[in-house]
Amino acid sequence: MRKQEELEERIRVAMDHAAPNVLDRILSSCEEQKGNVIPMTTGKKNWKKQIVSFVSAAAAVCILFTAAMVWQPWNQGAQAVDSIVTLDVNPSVSLDVDENERVVAVNALNEDGEAVIDGMNLEGTDLDVSINALIGSMLKNGYLNEAKNSILVTVENDDEEKGDELEIRIARDIEKVFSEDGLEAAVLSQSLTGDEELEQLAQEYGISRGKAALIREVIRMDPTLTYQTLSTLNVQEIALIYATRQGENSTVTQTGSVSEKSYVGFDAAKQTALSHAGVQESAVSRMDVEYDSEDGRMIYEVEFTADGCEYEYEIDAATGEVIRFEKKTDDDDDGDEEKSSYIGKEAAKTKAFAHAGVTASQAKYVEVELHGSVYEVEFVVNTTEYEYKINAQTGSVIHYEKDEKGNTSSVSGTSLIGEEQAKATAFSHAGVTASQVKCLEVELHGNAYEVEFHVGNTEYEYAIDAVSGTILRSEKKAD
């Protein structure tokens, strides 16, 4: 009798621990079952042993049935990941989702992603609830705001149609979250299937597969861009570059406008370049402005043609400052003239910077032109202007000049002849008319006006005394 009681107690404990929350429901279900009643007869056998055996067997069956009912569906759901949804801003977070769109796992893909999901347990929640929670956390932590409103949504699913549908619904959910805060979201979305190349790129550059796919699409549109440069940017910055290059048949869908409130804007960049070049907008025959990046900062690339000259500018997108500019005539064809034996423009710049004892980050208004077998390098550091002539084959410094900009102490208080008179003197000496001149530049350096211009394939350089108007130096050379 004592052994029987011990056995019954073990069965009760086992049943309690196996499924304490669903046992009553299962037993209740059993009571509701209908069927044939099979009468049980008793013989001369030990009925107490039969009862114990029956109870033990029934309990074991109930335990197994209950465990299967409770645990098996959850285990299957945990293993059966149907989609992977990735949200990229600068934080990158991915969600493993089952076929019922319930979140199986949440993964932070970088440190900022850890900060976004900190303290949240989203496993087992509906996907739309998790998306709302993550976007809300990004807004709260300042990763998303009025000036930074871009987010990349990537859905990975073997069923392309299902992935596309899910991508659209998530984008709408994000737009709704933003609109509730009175903001506009710029959502870039894409669907992916298995892609080994993306996995390799993601590992190489330490980014998500979604971000790698977006960068690959941008580079497809503009092959001059690189993974090395773009991978260091956040999605807001990549979205701005993408917006100025996207064409037809893009694999990325965009809804909403990317905010430019952190930057000076296209019009300001254009006016800065025109003002620096001394060109009226009415004289411009072609104008292109694009976003790009250099050394991790966003820039505007401004290119335009005016009066037979081509101008290229790099403008700091945040400050509006001119970083670099280049000017050449329509007759120039540097690409054909530059031979394989030449050191190249970048090497020429490096030689000039090294000789001047400055770094590339210090140099501004950098201009490099190839004339014959000589690179002419001009740049400004603080208030000092440098001009170098570098041998295109050997890289040796042929000639250099160094002038303090704005140094007018020798002519202060004295009447100057003015830029117009300096130009007229130079034109007269060169035997040309103003209508023949292209790419004209006049600047006051110290006690002299420097006048540079092109006529046909010939370049002229003059130094005119700012007071007397006499010619201090003149140079004429073929481009």
Protein backbone atom coordinates (compact mmCIF):
# COMPACT_ATOMS: atom_id res chain seq x y z
CA MET A 1 0.00 0.00 0.00
CA ARG A 2 2.83 2.34 0.85
CA LYS A 3 4.60 1.64 -2.45
CA GLN A 4 1.40 2.33 -4.31
CA GLU A 5 0.98 5.69 -2.60
CA GLU A 6 4.59 6.62 -3.41
CA LEU A 7 4.05 5.71 -7.06
CA GLU A 8 0.86 7.77 -7.29
CA GLU A 9 2.66 10.74 -5.72
CA ARG A 10 5.48 10.49 -8.29
CA ILE A 11 2.95 10.42 -11.13
CA ARG A 12 1.17 13.50 -9.73
CA VAL A 13 4.46 15.43 -9.42
CA ALA A 14 5.52 14.40 -12.91
CA MET A 15 2.21 15.55 -14.36
CA ASP A 16 2.36 18.87 -12.49
CA HIS A 17 5.86 19.64 -13.74
CA ALA A 18 5.23 18.47 -17.27
CA ALA A 19 2.32 20.77 -18.11
CA PRO A 20 0.87 22.65 -15.13
CA ASN A 21 -0.87 25.25 -17.29
CA VAL A 22 -2.70 22.97 -19.71
CA LEU A 23 -3.45 19.76 -17.82
CA ASP A 24 -6.93 20.78 -16.73
CA ARG A 25 -7.79 21.81 -20.27
CA ILE A 26 -6.59 18.52 -21.70
CA LEU A 27 -8.52 16.47 -19.13
CA SER A 28 -11.60 18.57 -19.77
CA SER A 29 -11.21 17.87 -23.46
CA CYS A 30 -11.00 14.18 -22.74
CA GLU A 31 -14.32 14.33 -20.84
CA GLU A 32 -16.02 15.87 -23.85
CA GLN A 33 -14.95 13.07 -26.25
CA LYS A 34 -17.76 10.88 -27.52
CA GLY A 35 -17.56 7.30 -28.71
CA ASN A 36 -18.37 3.72 -27.88
CA VAL A 37 -18.27 2.73 -24.26
CA ILE A 38 -16.27 -0.43 -23.74
CA PRO A 39 -17.35 -2.23 -20.54
CA MET A 40 -14.48 -3.37 -18.35
CA THR A 41 -14.85 -6.72 -16.57
CA THR A 42 -12.90 -7.82 -13.63
CA GLY A 43 -11.56 -11.26 -13.13
CA LYS A 44 -9.81 -12.91 -10.30
CA LYS A 45 -6.57 -11.07 -11.00
CA ASN A 46 -5.20 -8.52 -8.53
CA TRP A 47 -7.37 -5.49 -9.33
CA LYS A 48 -5.19 -3.16 -7.31
CA LYS A 49 -2.16 -3.96 -9.48
CA GLN A 50 -4.23 -3.39 -12.61
CA ILE A 51 -5.37 0.01 -11.38
CA VAL A 52 -1.80 1.04 -10.58
CA SER A 53 -0.54 -0.13 -13.97
CA PHE A 54 -3.40 1.57 -15.77
CA VAL A 55 -2.91 4.85 -13.91
CA SER A 56 0.85 4.75 -14.61
CA ALA A 57 0.35 4.10 -18.29
CA ALA A 58 -2.36 6.74 -18.63
CA ALA A 59 -0.23 9.29 -16.84
CA ALA A 60 2.73 8.55 -19.08
CA VAL A 61 0.57 8.96 -22.18
CA CYS A 62 -0.87 12.24 -20.87
CA ILE A 63 2.61 13.54 -20.06
CA LEU A 64 3.89 12.73 -23.54
CA PHE A 65 0.76 14.12 -25.19
CA THR A 66 0.86 17.28 -23.14
CA ALA A 67 4.57 17.87 -23.79
CA ALA A 68 4.00 17.36 -27.49
CA MET A 69 1.05 19.76 -27.52
CA VAL A 70 2.90 22.48 -25.61
CA TRP A 71 6.52 22.30 -26.73
CA GLN A 72 6.55 20.88 -30.22
CA PRO A 73 4.84 23.79 -32.03
CA TRP A 74 7.10 26.33 -30.28
CA ASN A 75 10.26 24.39 -31.13
CA GLN A 76 9.16 24.06 -34.73
CA GLY A 77 8.44 27.79 -34.90
CA ALA A 78 11.81 28.65 -33.37
CA GLN A 79 13.64 26.60 -35.96
CA ALA A 80 11.51 27.44 -38.99
CA VAL A 81 12.68 30.98 -39.85
CA ASP A 82 10.68 32.05 -42.86
CA SER A 83 12.00 35.62 -43.35
CA ILE A 84 14.85 37.81 -42.16
CA VAL A 85 14.01 41.50 -41.84
CA THR A 86 16.86 43.99 -41.41
CA LEU A 87 16.55 47.66 -40.43
CA ASP A 88 19.58 49.83 -41.23
CA VAL A 89 20.02 53.47 -40.19
CA ASN A 90 23.36 53.59 -38.53
CA PRO A 91 22.10 51.10 -36.00
CA SER A 92 21.57 47.80 -37.77
CA VAL A 93 19.08 45.29 -36.35
CA SER A 94 17.78 42.07 -37.89
CA LEU A 95 14.70 40.04 -36.97
CA ASP A 96 14.19 36.33 -37.65
CA VAL A 97 10.49 35.84 -38.43
CA ASP A 98 8.42 32.66 -38.76
CA GLU A 99 5.75 32.00 -41.38
CA ASN A 100 3.09 33.48 -39.09
CA GLU A 101 5.08 36.72 -38.90
CA ARG A 102 5.99 36.28 -35.27
CA VAL A 103 9.50 37.23 -34.19
CA VAL A 104 11.70 34.27 -33.35
CA ALA A 105 14.91 36.21 -32.61
CA VAL A 106 16.23 39.78 -32.62
CA ASN A 107 19.90 40.41 -33.46
CA ALA A 108 21.95 43.58 -33.08
CA LEU A 109 24.43 43.81 -35.97
CA ASN A 110 26.55 46.65 -34.51
CA GLU A 111 27.03 48.58 -31.27
CA ASP A 112 24.33 51.11 -32.07
CA GLY A 113 21.99 48.21 -32.72
CA GLU A 114 22.69 46.97 -29.19
CA ALA A 115 21.68 50.38 -27.84
CA VAL A 116 18.42 50.29 -29.80
CA ILE A 117 17.20 46.90 -28.49
CA ASP A 118 18.59 47.38 -24.96
CA GLY A 119 16.02 46.24 -22.41
CA MET A 120 13.44 45.07 -24.99
CA ASN A 121 12.35 41.43 -25.27
CA LEU A 122 10.62 41.15 -28.62
CA GLU A 123 10.77 37.39 -29.12
CA GLY A 124 7.32 35.93 -29.67
CA THR A 125 5.75 39.28 -30.59
CA ASP A 126 4.08 40.11 -33.90
CA LEU A 127 6.43 41.56 -36.51
CA ASP A 128 4.55 44.87 -36.81
CA VAL A 129 4.74 45.36 -33.03
CA SER A 130 8.50 44.75 -33.08
CA ILE A 131 9.01 47.13 -36.02
CA ASN A 132 7.09 49.87 -34.18
CA ALA A 133 9.13 49.30 -31.02
CA LEU A 134 12.49 49.43 -32.83
CA ILE A 135 11.63 52.56 -34.85
CA GLY A 136 10.35 54.19 -31.68
CA SER A 137 13.64 53.40 -29.93
CA MET A 138 15.65 54.85 -32.82
CA LEU A 139 13.61 58.05 -32.68
CA LYS A 140 13.97 58.25 -28.90
CA ASN A 141 17.75 57.73 -29.04
CA GLY A 142 18.27 60.34 -31.78
CA TYR A 143 19.27 57.98 -34.58
CA LEU A 144 16.22 59.17 -36.51
CA ASN A 145 14.83 62.70 -36.50
CA GLU A 146 13.73 65.51 -38.80
CA ALA A 147 17.22 65.90 -40.32
CA LYS A 148 18.03 62.16 -40.37
CA ASN A 149 14.91 60.50 -41.73
CA SER A 150 16.26 57.67 -43.91
CA ILE A 151 15.93 53.99 -43.09
CA LEU A 152 16.74 50.93 -45.18
CA VAL A 153 14.40 47.93 -44.98
CA THR A 154 15.65 44.62 -46.35
CA VAL A 155 13.53 41.46 -46.50
CA GLU A 156 15.21 38.12 -47.22
CA ASN A 157 12.84 35.32 -48.23
CA ASP A 158 13.14 32.44 -50.67
CA ASP A 159 9.67 33.28 -51.93
CA GLU A 160 10.31 36.48 -53.90
CA GLU A 161 6.63 37.42 -54.13
CA LYS A 162 6.13 37.01 -50.39
CA GLY A 163 9.29 39.02 -49.69
CA ASP A 164 8.08 41.89 -51.89
CA GLU A 165 4.70 41.95 -50.15
CA LEU A 166 6.27 41.98 -46.70
CA GLU A 167 8.71 44.73 -47.74
CA ILE A 168 5.81 47.00 -48.78
CA ARG A 169 3.86 46.45 -45.56
CA ILE A 170 6.88 47.16 -43.35
CA ALA A 171 7.61 50.38 -45.25
CA ARG A 172 4.02 51.51 -44.64
CA ASP A 173 4.28 50.69 -40.93
CA ILE A 174 7.43 52.81 -40.64
CA GLU A 175 5.82 55.72 -42.47
CA LYS A 176 2.90 55.54 -40.03
CA VAL A 177 5.20 55.65 -36.99
CA PHE A 178 6.96 58.73 -38.40
CA SER A 179 3.70 60.48 -39.30
CA GLU A 180 2.43 60.04 -35.74
CA ASP A 181 5.42 62.16 -34.65
CA GLY A 182 4.75 64.72 -37.39
CA LEU A 183 7.76 63.59 -39.45
CA GLU A 184 8.28 62.34 -42.99
CA ALA A 185 10.18 59.10 -43.44
CA ALA A 186 12.41 58.30 -46.41
CA VAL A 187 12.16 54.53 -46.62
CA LEU A 188 14.46 52.62 -48.96
CA SER A 189 13.29 49.03 -49.26
CA GLN A 190 14.50 45.94 -51.07
CA SER A 191 13.91 42.18 -51.22
CA LEU A 192 16.74 39.66 -51.38
CA THR A 193 17.12 35.95 -51.95
CA GLY A 194 20.23 33.90 -51.28
CA ASP A 195 23.34 35.76 -52.47
CA GLU A 196 26.85 34.60 -51.57
CA GLU A 197 28.47 37.76 -52.92
CA LEU A 198 26.49 39.92 -50.49
CA GLU A 199 27.49 37.72 -47.59
CA GLN A 200 31.17 38.10 -48.51
CA LEU A 201 30.83 41.89 -48.91
CA ALA A 202 29.01 42.19 -45.59
CA GLN A 203 31.77 40.30 -43.78
CA GLU A 204 34.58 42.16 -45.55
CA TYR A 205 33.28 45.64 -44.70
CA GLY A 206 31.58 44.84 -41.40
CA ILE A 207 28.07 45.81 -42.55
CA SER A 208 24.71 44.10 -42.97
CA ARG A 209 23.77 42.24 -46.15
CA GLY A 210 21.07 44.85 -46.74
CA LYS A 211 23.53 47.74 -46.62
CA ALA A 212 25.91 45.80 -48.88
CA ALA A 213 23.08 45.33 -51.39
CA LEU A 214 22.22 49.05 -51.34
CA ILE A 215 25.88 50.01 -51.91
CA ARG A 216 26.13 47.51 -54.76
CA GLU A 217 23.12 49.14 -56.41
CA VAL A 218 24.59 52.66 -56.04
CA ILE A 219 27.92 51.51 -57.53
CA ARG A 220 26.04 49.89 -60.44
CA MET A 221 24.67 53.34 -61.23
CA ASP A 222 28.01 55.11 -60.72
CA PRO A 223 31.07 52.82 -61.10
CA THR A 224 33.40 55.62 -59.95
CA LEU A 225 32.17 55.03 -56.37
CA THR A 226 33.68 52.32 -54.15
CA TYR A 227 32.59 49.97 -51.36
CA GLN A 228 35.49 51.23 -49.25
CA THR A 229 34.14 54.80 -49.29
CA LEU A 230 30.41 54.09 -49.09
CA SER A 231 30.60 51.44 -46.35
CA THR A 232 31.78 54.08 -43.84
CA LEU A 233 28.68 56.24 -44.45
CA ASN A 234 25.32 55.89 -42.71
CA VAL A 235 22.12 55.16 -44.61
CA GLN A 236 21.10 58.85 -44.64
CA GLU A 237 24.31 59.77 -46.49
CA ILE A 238 24.11 56.82 -48.89
CA ALA A 239 20.47 57.71 -49.59
CA LEU A 240 21.47 61.24 -50.62
CA ILE A 241 24.12 59.88 -53.02
CA TYR A 242 21.62 57.32 -54.34
CA ALA A 243 18.98 60.01 -54.91
CA THR A 244 21.23 61.96 -57.32
CA ARG A 245 22.13 58.88 -59.34
CA GLN A 246 19.17 56.51 -59.36
CA GLY A 247 17.83 55.55 -62.74
CA GLU A 248 15.42 53.08 -64.23
CA ASN A 249 15.29 49.40 -63.25
CA SER A 250 16.59 50.06 -59.76
CA THR A 251 16.24 47.16 -57.32
CA VAL A 252 15.65 49.61 -54.46
CA THR A 253 12.28 51.26 -53.89
CA GLN A 254 12.16 54.66 -52.22
CA THR A 255 9.19 56.39 -50.61
CA GLY A 256 9.41 59.87 -49.12
CA SER A 257 12.11 62.51 -49.61
CA VAL A 258 15.53 62.29 -48.00
CA SER A 259 16.04 65.26 -45.68
CA GLU A 260 18.83 67.74 -46.57
CA LYS A 261 18.45 69.90 -43.47
CA SER A 262 21.99 69.10 -42.31
CA TYR A 263 23.50 70.56 -45.50
CA VAL A 264 23.64 73.90 -47.32
CA GLY A 265 21.66 72.64 -50.33
CA PHE A 266 22.20 72.36 -54.08
CA ASP A 267 21.44 75.98 -54.87
CA ALA A 268 23.90 77.31 -52.29
CA ALA A 269 26.64 74.94 -53.54
CA LYS A 270 26.01 76.03 -57.12
CA GLN A 271 26.17 79.72 -56.27
CA THR A 272 29.38 79.21 -54.27
CA ALA A 273 31.06 77.57 -57.26
CA LEU A 274 29.88 80.23 -59.72
CA SER A 275 31.00 83.04 -57.41
CA HIS A 276 34.42 81.47 -56.89
CA ALA A 277 34.85 81.00 -60.66
CA GLY A 278 33.66 84.55 -61.37
CA VAL A 279 31.02 83.25 -63.78
CA GLN A 280 27.50 84.58 -64.21
CA GLU A 281 24.78 81.92 -64.17
CA SER A 282 23.45 83.28 -67.48
CA ALA A 283 26.76 82.28 -69.13
CA VAL A 284 26.49 78.64 -68.02
CA SER A 285 25.61 76.16 -70.75
CA ARG A 286 25.69 72.99 -68.60
CA MET A 287 25.39 72.48 -64.85
CA ASP A 288 25.51 69.21 -62.86
CA VAL A 289 25.37 68.95 -59.05
CA GLU A 290 25.67 65.63 -57.18
CA TYR A 291 26.27 64.40 -53.67
CA ASP A 292 29.49 62.50 -52.99
CA SER A 293 31.83 61.88 -50.06
CA GLU A 294 35.50 62.51 -49.46
CA ASP A 295 37.46 61.37 -46.40
CA GLY A 296 34.20 60.54 -44.63
CA ARG A 297 32.50 63.91 -45.16
CA MET A 298 29.67 64.71 -47.52
CA ILE A 299 30.42 67.02 -50.45
CA TYR A 300 28.70 68.46 -53.50
CA GLU A 301 30.34 67.80 -56.84
CA VAL A 302 29.56 70.80 -59.04
CA GLU A 303 30.48 70.69 -62.72
CA PHE A 304 29.59 73.31 -65.30
CA THR A 305 30.66 74.76 -68.64
CA ALA A 306 30.86 78.49 -69.37
CA ASP A 307 32.65 80.62 -71.98
CA GLY A 308 34.44 77.62 -73.46
CA CYS A 309 35.81 76.42 -70.08
CA GLU A 310 34.90 73.42 -67.97
CA TYR A 311 34.83 73.84 -64.18
CA GLU A 312 34.81 71.14 -61.52
CA TYR A 313 34.24 71.96 -57.86
CA GLU A 314 34.04 70.05 -54.60
CA ILE A 315 31.99 71.92 -51.98
CA ASP A 316 31.74 70.86 -48.33
CA ALA A 317 28.05 69.93 -47.97
CA ALA A 318 27.83 70.98 -44.32
CA THR A 319 29.76 74.29 -44.43
CA GLY A 320 29.54 75.34 -48.09
CA GLU A 321 33.33 75.78 -48.24
CA VAL A 322 35.24 75.17 -51.49
CA ILE A 323 37.48 72.13 -50.98
CA ARG A 324 38.91 71.72 -54.49
CA PHE A 325 38.39 73.12 -57.95
CA GLU A 326 39.70 72.51 -61.44
CA LYS A 327 39.34 74.45 -64.66
CA LYS A 328 40.19 73.50 -68.21
CA THR A 329 39.37 74.64 -71.72
CA ASP A 330 37.26 72.68 -74.14
CA ASP A 331 40.42 72.16 -76.17
CA ASP A 332 42.15 70.36 -73.30
CA ASP A 333 42.33 66.59 -73.56
CA ASP A 334 44.40 65.66 -70.56
CA GLY A 335 43.33 62.03 -70.68
CA ASP A 336 44.91 61.56 -74.13
CA GLU A 337 48.02 63.57 -73.28
CA GLU A 338 48.75 61.75 -70.05
CA LYS A 339 51.08 58.90 -70.98
CA SER A 340 51.67 55.67 -69.11
CA SER A 341 55.18 56.86 -68.25
CA TYR A 342 53.82 59.91 -66.38
CA ILE A 343 53.51 59.83 -62.62
CA GLY A 344 49.85 60.96 -62.65
CA LYS A 345 48.00 63.89 -61.11
CA GLU A 346 47.67 62.37 -57.65
CA ALA A 347 51.42 61.73 -57.44
CA ALA A 348 52.12 65.27 -58.67
CA LYS A 349 49.93 66.67 -55.87
CA THR A 350 51.74 64.52 -53.33
CA LYS A 351 55.13 65.76 -54.56
CA ALA A 352 54.02 69.38 -54.29
CA PHE A 353 52.52 68.91 -50.80
CA ALA A 354 55.70 67.20 -49.58
CA HIS A 355 57.93 69.97 -50.94
CA ALA A 356 55.71 72.64 -49.33
CA GLY A 357 55.69 70.71 -46.03
CA VAL A 358 51.90 70.51 -45.84
CA THR A 359 49.34 67.69 -45.72
CA ALA A 360 46.52 67.00 -48.15
CA SER A 361 43.94 67.86 -45.45
CA GLN A 362 45.49 71.33 -45.04
CA ALA A 363 45.44 72.14 -48.75
CA LYS A 364 42.38 73.82 -50.23
CA TYR A 365 41.40 75.03 -53.71
CA VAL A 366 43.65 72.32 -55.16
CA GLU A 367 44.02 72.49 -58.95
CA VAL A 368 46.16 70.15 -61.08
CA GLU A 369 46.60 70.48 -64.83
CA LEU A 370 48.87 68.70 -67.28
CA HIS A 371 50.61 70.92 -69.82
CA GLY A 372 52.88 68.98 -72.14
CA SER A 373 55.16 67.00 -69.83
CA VAL A 374 54.63 69.25 -66.81
CA TYR A 375 52.00 69.09 -64.06
CA GLU A 376 50.98 72.49 -62.73
CA VAL A 377 49.76 72.22 -59.15
CA GLU A 378 48.12 75.15 -57.34
CA PHE A 379 46.70 75.16 -53.82
CA VAL A 380 46.12 77.34 -50.77
CA VAL A 381 47.04 76.69 -47.14
CA ASN A 382 45.57 79.22 -44.71
CA THR A 383 46.56 82.57 -46.32
CA THR A 384 49.41 81.24 -48.43
CA GLU A 385 49.07 80.33 -52.10
CA TYR A 386 51.41 77.78 -53.70
CA GLU A 387 52.13 77.18 -57.38
CA TYR A 388 54.25 74.21 -58.50
CA LYS A 389 55.52 72.80 -61.76
CA ILE A 390 56.28 69.09 -61.49
CA ASN A 391 58.11 67.02 -64.12
CA ALA A 392 55.48 64.56 -65.36
CA GLN A 393 57.99 61.73 -65.81
CA THR A 394 60.40 62.10 -62.90
CA GLY A 395 58.21 63.88 -60.35
CA SER A 396 60.93 66.44 -59.64
CA VAL A 397 60.00 70.04 -58.76
CA ILE A 398 60.86 72.25 -61.74
CA HIS A 399 59.61 75.54 -60.33
CA TYR A 400 57.52 76.79 -57.43
CA GLU A 401 56.10 80.05 -56.07
CA LYS A 402 54.74 80.92 -52.66
CA ASP A 403 52.62 84.04 -52.09
CA GLU A 404 50.72 85.38 -49.11
CA LYS A 405 47.13 86.02 -50.18
CA GLY A 406 45.78 89.46 -49.42
CA ASN A 407 49.23 90.90 -48.64
CA THR A 408 48.68 94.47 -49.87
CA SER A 409 50.94 96.25 -47.39
CA SER A 410 53.21 97.55 -50.16
CA VAL A 411 50.35 99.24 -51.98
CA SER A 412 48.03 100.21 -49.12
CA GLY A 413 46.97 103.83 -49.27
CA THR A 414 48.05 104.02 -52.92
CA SER A 415 45.72 104.30 -55.91
CA LEU A 416 45.62 100.99 -57.83
CA ILE A 417 45.07 100.71 -61.57
CA GLY A 418 42.25 98.16 -61.05
CA GLU A 419 41.49 94.79 -62.60
CA GLU A 420 40.06 96.19 -65.84
CA GLN A 421 43.22 98.16 -66.62
CA ALA A 422 45.38 95.15 -65.72
CA LYS A 423 43.37 92.98 -68.15
CA ALA A 424 43.61 95.59 -70.92
CA THR A 425 47.38 95.84 -70.48
CA ALA A 426 47.79 92.07 -70.71
CA PHE A 427 45.49 91.75 -73.75
CA SER A 428 47.32 94.56 -75.54
CA HIS A 429 50.71 92.99 -74.90
CA ALA A 430 49.47 89.58 -76.09
CA GLY A 431 47.93 91.11 -79.21
CA VAL A 432 44.47 89.68 -78.56
CA THR A 433 40.98 91.06 -78.04
CA ALA A 434 38.66 90.45 -75.09
CA SER A 435 36.26 88.50 -77.33
CA GLN A 436 39.00 85.93 -78.12
CA VAL A 437 39.81 85.30 -74.45
CA LYS A 438 38.55 82.26 -72.54
CA CYS A 439 38.97 81.16 -68.90
CA LEU A 440 40.03 84.59 -67.70
CA GLU A 441 41.28 85.00 -64.12
CA VAL A 442 42.50 88.20 -62.45
CA GLU A 443 43.74 88.27 -58.84
CA LEU A 444 45.66 90.77 -56.75
CA HIS A 445 48.72 89.26 -55.04
CA GLY A 446 50.89 91.64 -53.09
CA ASN A 447 51.72 94.59 -55.36
CA ALA A 448 50.77 92.88 -58.61
CA TYR A 449 47.74 91.75 -60.55
CA GLU A 450 48.07 88.20 -61.87
CA VAL A 451 46.20 87.83 -65.15
CA GLU A 452 45.72 84.39 -66.72
CA PHE A 453 43.72 83.52 -69.84
CA HIS A 454 43.49 81.21 -72.86
CA VAL A 455 43.26 82.04 -76.53
CA GLY A 456 42.78 78.95 -78.65
CA ASN A 457 45.40 76.43 -77.57
CA THR A 458 47.67 79.06 -76.02
CA GLU A 459 47.78 80.00 -72.33
CA TYR A 460 48.98 83.43 -71.18
CA GLU A 461 50.13 84.46 -67.71
CA TYR A 462 50.91 88.05 -66.73
CA ALA A 463 52.01 89.89 -63.58
CA ILE A 464 51.03 93.58 -63.82
CA ASP A 465 52.27 96.17 -61.32
CA ALA A 466 49.19 97.17 -59.33
CA VAL A 467 50.22 100.84 -59.12
CA SER A 468 52.14 101.69 -62.27
CA GLY A 469 50.53 99.17 -64.63
CA THR A 470 53.89 98.01 -65.99
CA ILE A 471 54.34 94.37 -66.96
CA LEU A 472 56.49 92.62 -64.32
CA ARG A 473 56.33 89.15 -65.88
CA SER A 474 54.74 87.49 -68.88
CA GLU A 475 54.57 83.89 -70.05
CA LYS A 476 53.06 82.29 -73.12
CA LYS A 477 52.82 78.56 -73.69
CA ALA A 478 50.86 76.03 -75.70
CA ASP A 479 48.44 73.80 -73.79
